[in-house]
N, C-alpha and C. Protein backbone atom coordinates (compact mmCIF):
# COMPACT_ATOMS: atom_id res chain seq x y z
N UNK A 1 127.82 65.27 100.12
CA UNK A 1 127.21 66.35 100.86
C UNK A 1 126.81 65.81 102.23
N UNK A 2 127.13 66.53 103.26
CA UNK A 2 126.82 66.08 104.61
C UNK A 2 125.69 66.89 105.19
N UNK A 3 125.19 66.42 106.31
CA UNK A 3 124.09 67.11 106.98
C UNK A 3 124.58 68.46 107.53
N UNK A 4 125.84 68.55 107.93
CA UNK A 4 126.36 69.83 108.42
C UNK A 4 126.29 70.89 107.34
N UNK A 5 126.56 70.51 106.11
CA UNK A 5 126.50 71.48 105.02
C UNK A 5 125.07 71.94 104.77
N UNK A 6 124.11 71.04 104.91
CA UNK A 6 122.71 71.41 104.72
C UNK A 6 122.22 72.28 105.85
N UNK A 7 122.63 72.00 107.08
CA UNK A 7 122.17 72.81 108.21
C UNK A 7 122.79 74.20 108.20
N UNK A 8 123.85 74.41 107.45
CA UNK A 8 124.47 75.73 107.37
C UNK A 8 123.66 76.70 106.52
N UNK A 9 122.71 76.19 105.75
CA UNK A 9 121.88 77.06 104.92
C UNK A 9 120.91 77.80 105.82
N UNK A 10 120.86 79.11 105.67
CA UNK A 10 120.00 79.93 106.50
C UNK A 10 118.54 79.74 106.11
N UNK A 11 117.63 79.66 107.08
CA UNK A 11 116.21 79.53 106.74
C UNK A 11 115.67 80.79 106.09
N UNK A 12 114.61 80.64 105.32
CA UNK A 12 114.04 81.76 104.60
C UNK A 12 113.20 82.67 105.48
N UNK A 13 112.58 82.12 106.49
CA UNK A 13 111.70 82.93 107.32
C UNK A 13 111.71 82.39 108.74
N UNK A 14 111.23 83.18 109.71
CA UNK A 14 111.14 82.69 111.09
C UNK A 14 110.19 81.50 111.21
N UNK A 15 109.12 81.49 110.41
CA UNK A 15 108.18 80.38 110.47
C UNK A 15 108.85 79.10 109.98
N UNK A 16 109.67 79.19 108.95
CA UNK A 16 110.39 78.03 108.43
C UNK A 16 111.42 77.56 109.45
N UNK A 17 112.09 78.49 110.10
CA UNK A 17 113.06 78.11 111.12
C UNK A 17 112.38 77.37 112.27
N UNK A 18 111.20 77.84 112.66
CA UNK A 18 110.47 77.18 113.74
C UNK A 18 110.03 75.77 113.32
N UNK A 19 109.63 75.61 112.07
CA UNK A 19 109.23 74.29 111.59
C UNK A 19 110.42 73.35 111.55
N UNK A 20 111.58 73.85 111.13
CA UNK A 20 112.76 73.01 111.06
C UNK A 20 113.23 72.58 112.44
N UNK A 21 113.02 73.42 113.44
CA UNK A 21 113.43 73.09 114.80
C UNK A 21 112.37 72.29 115.53
N UNK A 22 111.22 72.08 114.91
CA UNK A 22 110.17 71.27 115.51
C UNK A 22 109.22 72.04 116.39
N UNK A 23 109.43 73.33 116.54
CA UNK A 23 108.54 74.14 117.38
C UNK A 23 107.34 74.58 116.55
N UNK A 24 106.28 74.91 117.24
CA UNK A 24 105.08 75.40 116.56
C UNK A 24 105.34 76.84 116.14
N UNK A 25 105.16 77.16 114.86
CA UNK A 25 105.42 78.53 114.41
C UNK A 25 104.36 79.49 114.94
N UNK A 26 104.78 80.73 115.13
CA UNK A 26 103.86 81.78 115.55
C UNK A 26 102.83 81.97 114.44
N UNK A 27 101.55 81.96 114.78
CA UNK A 27 100.51 82.01 113.76
C UNK A 27 100.52 83.33 113.01
N UNK A 28 100.87 84.43 113.66
CA UNK A 28 100.90 85.72 112.98
C UNK A 28 102.04 85.76 111.97
N UNK A 29 103.21 85.27 112.36
CA UNK A 29 104.32 85.29 111.41
C UNK A 29 104.14 84.26 110.33
N UNK A 30 103.50 83.12 110.63
CA UNK A 30 103.24 82.11 109.61
C UNK A 30 102.25 82.63 108.58
N UNK A 31 101.25 83.37 109.03
CA UNK A 31 100.27 83.91 108.10
C UNK A 31 100.88 85.01 107.23
N UNK A 32 101.77 85.80 107.83
CA UNK A 32 102.35 86.90 107.07
C UNK A 32 103.43 86.44 106.11
N UNK A 33 104.02 85.27 106.33
CA UNK A 33 105.09 84.80 105.46
C UNK A 33 104.66 83.61 104.62
N UNK A 34 103.39 83.33 104.57
CA UNK A 34 102.90 82.20 103.80
C UNK A 34 102.97 82.45 102.31
N UNK A 35 102.74 81.39 101.56
CA UNK A 35 102.80 81.48 100.11
C UNK A 35 101.74 82.43 99.57
N UNK A 36 100.55 82.38 100.14
CA UNK A 36 99.47 83.25 99.67
C UNK A 36 99.80 84.72 99.91
N UNK A 37 100.38 85.02 101.06
CA UNK A 37 100.76 86.41 101.36
C UNK A 37 101.87 86.88 100.43
N UNK A 38 102.82 85.99 100.15
CA UNK A 38 103.91 86.35 99.25
C UNK A 38 103.37 86.58 97.84
N UNK A 39 102.47 85.70 97.41
CA UNK A 39 101.89 85.85 96.09
C UNK A 39 101.05 87.12 95.99
N UNK A 40 100.31 87.42 97.04
CA UNK A 40 99.51 88.64 97.07
C UNK A 40 100.38 89.88 96.98
N UNK A 41 101.49 89.88 97.69
CA UNK A 41 102.39 91.05 97.64
C UNK A 41 103.03 91.18 96.26
N UNK A 42 103.34 90.07 95.61
CA UNK A 42 103.92 90.13 94.27
C UNK A 42 102.91 90.65 93.26
N UNK A 43 101.66 90.21 93.38
CA UNK A 43 100.62 90.70 92.47
C UNK A 43 100.41 92.21 92.69
N UNK A 44 100.44 92.64 93.93
CA UNK A 44 100.31 94.07 94.22
C UNK A 44 101.47 94.86 93.63
N UNK A 45 102.68 94.29 93.71
CA UNK A 45 103.85 94.97 93.14
C UNK A 45 103.74 95.06 91.62
N UNK A 46 103.30 93.99 90.98
CA UNK A 46 103.12 94.00 89.52
C UNK A 46 102.07 95.04 89.15
N UNK A 47 100.98 95.09 89.90
CA UNK A 47 99.93 96.07 89.65
C UNK A 47 100.47 97.50 89.78
N UNK A 48 101.31 97.74 90.78
CA UNK A 48 101.89 99.06 90.97
C UNK A 48 102.84 99.40 89.81
N UNK A 49 103.62 98.41 89.35
CA UNK A 49 104.53 98.65 88.22
C UNK A 49 103.75 99.00 86.95
N UNK A 50 102.67 98.29 86.71
CA UNK A 50 101.86 98.55 85.51
C UNK A 50 101.19 99.93 85.62
N UNK A 51 100.69 100.27 86.80
CA UNK A 51 100.06 101.58 86.99
C UNK A 51 101.06 102.71 86.79
N UNK A 52 102.29 102.52 87.28
CA UNK A 52 103.33 103.54 87.11
C UNK A 52 103.68 103.70 85.63
N UNK A 53 103.77 102.58 84.92
CA UNK A 53 104.09 102.64 83.49
C UNK A 53 102.98 103.31 82.71
N UNK A 54 101.72 103.00 83.05
CA UNK A 54 100.59 103.64 82.37
C UNK A 54 100.56 105.14 82.64
N UNK A 55 100.85 105.53 83.87
CA UNK A 55 100.89 106.95 84.21
C UNK A 55 101.97 107.68 83.45
N UNK A 56 103.14 107.08 83.36
CA UNK A 56 104.24 107.71 82.62
C UNK A 56 103.91 107.80 81.13
N UNK A 57 103.27 106.78 80.60
CA UNK A 57 102.89 106.79 79.19
C UNK A 57 101.82 107.85 78.92
N UNK A 58 100.88 108.02 79.84
CA UNK A 58 99.86 109.06 79.68
C UNK A 58 100.48 110.45 79.75
N UNK A 59 101.45 110.63 80.63
CA UNK A 59 102.13 111.92 80.71
C UNK A 59 102.87 112.23 79.41
N UNK A 60 103.50 111.22 78.84
CA UNK A 60 104.22 111.40 77.58
C UNK A 60 103.25 111.72 76.45
N UNK A 61 102.12 111.01 76.41
CA UNK A 61 101.14 111.22 75.34
C UNK A 61 100.46 112.59 75.44
N UNK A 62 100.30 113.09 76.66
CA UNK A 62 99.64 114.39 76.82
C UNK A 62 100.59 115.56 76.63
N UNK A 63 101.87 115.28 76.42
CA UNK A 63 102.83 116.35 76.16
C UNK A 63 103.46 116.95 77.39
N UNK A 64 103.26 116.35 78.53
CA UNK A 64 103.87 116.86 79.75
C UNK A 64 105.37 116.59 79.71
N UNK A 65 106.15 117.40 80.42
CA UNK A 65 107.60 117.19 80.41
C UNK A 65 107.97 115.93 81.18
N UNK A 66 108.36 114.92 80.45
CA UNK A 66 108.77 113.65 81.06
C UNK A 66 109.91 113.09 80.20
N UNK A 67 110.86 112.48 80.84
CA UNK A 67 112.00 111.91 80.12
C UNK A 67 111.58 110.62 79.43
N UNK A 68 111.92 110.50 78.17
CA UNK A 68 111.55 109.32 77.39
C UNK A 68 112.18 108.05 77.94
N UNK A 69 113.42 108.15 78.39
CA UNK A 69 114.07 106.95 78.92
C UNK A 69 113.41 106.48 80.21
N UNK A 70 112.89 107.40 81.02
CA UNK A 70 112.16 106.99 82.23
C UNK A 70 110.88 106.24 81.88
N UNK A 71 110.20 106.71 80.84
CA UNK A 71 108.98 106.04 80.39
C UNK A 71 109.30 104.64 79.89
N UNK A 72 110.35 104.53 79.09
CA UNK A 72 110.74 103.23 78.55
C UNK A 72 111.18 102.27 79.64
N UNK A 73 111.89 102.78 80.63
CA UNK A 73 112.33 101.93 81.75
C UNK A 73 111.14 101.43 82.53
N UNK A 74 110.17 102.31 82.82
CA UNK A 74 108.99 101.86 83.58
C UNK A 74 108.15 100.88 82.77
N UNK A 75 108.05 101.09 81.45
CA UNK A 75 107.32 100.13 80.61
C UNK A 75 108.01 98.77 80.59
N UNK A 76 109.31 98.76 80.48
CA UNK A 76 110.06 97.50 80.45
C UNK A 76 109.98 96.78 81.79
N UNK A 77 110.05 97.54 82.88
CA UNK A 77 109.94 96.94 84.21
C UNK A 77 108.56 96.31 84.39
N UNK A 78 107.53 96.99 83.92
CA UNK A 78 106.17 96.44 84.01
C UNK A 78 106.03 95.19 83.15
N UNK A 79 106.62 95.21 81.96
CA UNK A 79 106.54 94.04 81.07
C UNK A 79 107.23 92.84 81.68
N UNK A 80 108.40 93.04 82.25
CA UNK A 80 109.14 91.95 82.87
C UNK A 80 108.40 91.43 84.10
N UNK A 81 107.81 92.32 84.89
CA UNK A 81 107.05 91.90 86.07
C UNK A 81 105.85 91.04 85.68
N UNK A 82 105.14 91.44 84.63
CA UNK A 82 103.98 90.68 84.18
C UNK A 82 104.43 89.32 83.64
N UNK A 83 105.52 89.29 82.88
CA UNK A 83 106.02 88.01 82.37
C UNK A 83 106.42 87.08 83.49
N UNK A 84 107.07 87.62 84.53
CA UNK A 84 107.46 86.79 85.67
C UNK A 84 106.23 86.23 86.37
N UNK A 85 105.22 87.05 86.56
CA UNK A 85 104.00 86.60 87.21
C UNK A 85 103.31 85.51 86.39
N UNK A 86 103.31 85.65 85.07
CA UNK A 86 102.71 84.63 84.21
C UNK A 86 103.49 83.32 84.32
N UNK A 87 104.81 83.40 84.38
CA UNK A 87 105.61 82.18 84.51
C UNK A 87 105.38 81.50 85.87
N UNK A 88 105.24 82.29 86.92
CA UNK A 88 104.94 81.72 88.23
C UNK A 88 103.59 81.02 88.19
N UNK A 89 102.60 81.66 87.58
CA UNK A 89 101.28 81.04 87.45
C UNK A 89 101.37 79.74 86.67
N UNK A 90 102.12 79.73 85.57
CA UNK A 90 102.26 78.52 84.77
C UNK A 90 102.90 77.39 85.56
N UNK A 91 103.92 77.72 86.34
CA UNK A 91 104.58 76.69 87.15
C UNK A 91 103.66 76.14 88.21
N UNK A 92 102.90 77.01 88.86
CA UNK A 92 101.95 76.56 89.89
C UNK A 92 100.90 75.65 89.27
N UNK A 93 100.41 76.00 88.10
CA UNK A 93 99.42 75.15 87.42
C UNK A 93 100.02 73.81 87.01
N UNK A 94 101.28 73.81 86.56
CA UNK A 94 101.94 72.55 86.23
C UNK A 94 102.05 71.64 87.44
N UNK A 95 102.45 72.21 88.57
CA UNK A 95 102.57 71.42 89.79
C UNK A 95 101.21 70.89 90.21
N UNK A 96 100.19 71.71 90.15
CA UNK A 96 98.84 71.26 90.50
C UNK A 96 98.40 70.12 89.59
N UNK A 97 98.64 70.24 88.30
CA UNK A 97 98.25 69.19 87.37
C UNK A 97 99.04 67.90 87.63
N UNK A 98 100.33 68.03 87.93
CA UNK A 98 101.13 66.84 88.26
C UNK A 98 100.61 66.16 89.52
N UNK A 99 100.25 66.96 90.52
CA UNK A 99 99.73 66.39 91.76
C UNK A 99 98.38 65.73 91.55
N UNK A 100 97.54 66.34 90.69
CA UNK A 100 96.23 65.77 90.48
C UNK A 100 96.30 64.48 89.66
N UNK A 101 97.36 64.29 88.88
CA UNK A 101 97.52 63.06 88.11
C UNK A 101 98.14 61.92 88.91
N UNK A 102 98.69 62.23 90.06
CA UNK A 102 99.31 61.18 90.88
C UNK A 102 98.26 60.23 91.41
N UNK A 103 98.61 58.96 91.39
CA UNK A 103 97.71 57.96 91.95
C UNK A 103 98.13 57.67 93.38
N UNK A 104 97.16 57.64 94.26
CA UNK A 104 97.45 57.43 95.67
C UNK A 104 97.29 55.98 96.04
């Protein structure tokens, strides 16, 4: 593998591109594309998926006209989103524990 092949990979964000080129990243774009902002948006998305699934389930339970397959799809989407978030949390905790065990 050569350096040309590695440089052909597109950067993930403008802040990452600025870091790779050695320039100081724009603070507004760095803050908006940081790990904490990404994690916050994912948690918000999971929360929205769970709320949508709960709403669909309440509509079904109250006898309102709702398609059963739509309810099941929203429930499954919420379940998968929560499982993904739990796995991300587990990985972050593993990395933190590995870093804390390192001797300097």
